[in-house]
Amino acid sequence: MSNEKLKFEWVDNPDRIGERLFTFDGKKIYNLFRDYPHALSPIEKELFDRENPYWVDFFKDRIK
């Protein structure tokens, strides 16, 4: 998928407290705590990192 078609968005899920979901295409939903960074494509990770510096710092120990 090209970078032009990707747009980072948080997904609201009021039924689940503490769950942080996000998407880039409105179809595939990622769980922040389960999927970041290993389940993201390089393009998705780049976009996520640019939009979310707090979470990049929070998970810095996951990146080798």
C-alpha atoms as a PDB file:
ATOM      1  CA  MET A   1       0.000   0.000   0.000  1.00  0.00           C
ATOM      2  CA  SER A   2       1.385   3.385  -0.888  1.00  0.00           C
ATOM      3  CA  ASN A   3       2.053   6.055   1.693  1.00  0.00           C
ATOM      4  CA  GLU A   4      -0.499   8.403   0.048  1.00  0.00           C
ATOM      5  CA  LYS A   5      -3.362   6.003   0.857  1.00  0.00           C
ATOM      6  CA  LEU A   6      -2.423   5.602   4.514  1.00  0.00           C
ATOM      7  CA  LYS A   7      -3.798   7.836   7.237  1.00  0.00           C
ATOM      8  CA  PHE A   8      -3.247   7.169  10.920  1.00  0.00           C
ATOM      9  CA  GLU A   9      -6.408   7.162  13.057  1.00  0.00           C
ATOM     10  CA  TRP A  10      -7.203   6.049  16.571  1.00  0.00           C
ATOM     11  CA  VAL A  11     -10.213   3.720  16.756  1.00  0.00           C
ATOM     12  CA  ASP A  12     -12.691   4.397  19.544  1.00  0.00           C
ATOM     13  CA  ASN A  13     -13.845   1.357  21.474  1.00  0.00           C
ATOM     14  CA  PRO A  14     -15.764   2.603  24.539  1.00  0.00           C
ATOM     15  CA  ASP A  15     -16.636  -0.956  25.585  1.00  0.00           C
ATOM     16  CA  ARG A  16     -12.988  -1.810  26.353  1.00  0.00           C
ATOM     17  CA  ILE A  17     -11.203   0.322  28.947  1.00  0.00           C
ATOM     18  CA  GLY A  18      -7.466   0.683  28.390  1.00  0.00           C
ATOM     19  CA  GLU A  19      -7.449  -0.804  24.904  1.00  0.00           C
ATOM     20  CA  ARG A  20      -5.754   1.417  22.317  1.00  0.00           C
ATOM     21  CA  LEU A  21      -6.691   0.529  18.751  1.00  0.00           C
ATOM     22  CA  PHE A  22      -5.600   2.238  15.557  1.00  0.00           C
ATOM     23  CA  THR A  23      -5.810   1.860  11.815  1.00  0.00           C
ATOM     24  CA  PHE A  24      -4.188   3.222   8.693  1.00  0.00           C
ATOM     25  CA  ASP A  25      -6.786   2.197   6.117  1.00  0.00           C
ATOM     26  CA  GLY A  26     -10.018   1.836   8.101  1.00  0.00           C
ATOM     27  CA  LYS A  27      -9.997  -1.936   7.519  1.00  0.00           C
ATOM     28  CA  LYS A  28      -7.148  -3.521   9.445  1.00  0.00           C
ATOM     29  CA  ILE A  29      -7.224  -2.669  13.146  1.00  0.00           C
ATOM     30  CA  TYR A  30      -4.078  -2.836  15.260  1.00  0.00           C
ATOM     31  CA  ASN A  31      -3.856  -3.098  19.035  1.00  0.00           C
ATOM     32  CA  LEU A  32      -1.157  -0.732  20.253  1.00  0.00           C
ATOM     33  CA  PHE A  33       0.077  -2.908  23.119  1.00  0.00           C
ATOM     34  CA  ARG A  34       0.030  -6.164  21.169  1.00  0.00           C
ATOM     35  CA  ASP A  35       1.092  -5.088  17.671  1.00  0.00           C
ATOM     36  CA  TYR A  36       3.502  -2.153  17.901  1.00  0.00           C
ATOM     37  CA  PRO A  37       6.015  -2.187  16.256  1.00  0.00           C
ATOM     38  CA  HIS A  38       6.432  -5.728  14.922  1.00  0.00           C
ATOM     39  CA  ALA A  39       3.047  -6.097  13.158  1.00  0.00           C
ATOM     40  CA  LEU A  40       3.326  -2.815  11.244  1.00  0.00           C
ATOM     41  CA  SER A  41       4.839  -2.493   7.796  1.00  0.00           C
ATOM     42  CA  PRO A  42       7.827  -0.140   7.516  1.00  0.00           C
ATOM     43  CA  ILE A  43       5.595   2.530   5.972  1.00  0.00           C
ATOM     44  CA  GLU A  44       2.973   2.142   8.705  1.00  0.00           C
ATOM     45  CA  LYS A  45       5.623   2.302  11.422  1.00  0.00           C
ATOM     46  CA  GLU A  46       7.111   5.449   9.915  1.00  0.00           C
ATOM     47  CA  LEU A  47       3.686   7.120   9.827  1.00  0.00           C
ATOM     48  CA  PHE A  48       2.796   5.941  13.351  1.00  0.00           C
ATOM     49  CA  ASP A  49       6.125   7.175  14.734  1.00  0.00           C
ATOM     50  CA  ARG A  50       5.737  10.575  13.108  1.00  0.00           C
ATOM     51  CA  GLU A  51       2.198  11.007  14.503  1.00  0.00           C
ATOM     52  CA  ASN A  52       2.843   9.554  17.976  1.00  0.00           C
ATOM     53  CA  PRO A  53       6.190  10.540  19.524  1.00  0.00           C
ATOM     54  CA  TYR A  54       4.875   9.780  23.027  1.00  0.00           C
ATOM     55  CA  TRP A  55       4.226   6.127  22.162  1.00  0.00           C
ATOM     56  CA  VAL A  56       7.526   5.812  20.317  1.00  0.00           C
ATOM     57  CA  ASP A  57       9.314   6.853  23.495  1.00  0.00           C
ATOM     58  CA  PHE A  58       7.059   4.634  25.636  1.00  0.00           C
ATOM     59  CA  PHE A  59       7.924   1.548  23.569  1.00  0.00           C
ATOM     60  CA  LYS A  60      11.570   2.390  22.834  1.00  0.00           C
ATOM     61  CA  ASP A  61      12.709  -0.802  24.575  1.00  0.00           C
ATOM     62  CA  ARG A  62      10.781  -2.891  21.992  1.00  0.00           C
ATOM     63  CA  ILE A  63      12.845  -1.568  19.113  1.00  0.00           C
ATOM     64  CA  LYS A  64      16.148  -3.287  18.497  1.00  0.00           C
END
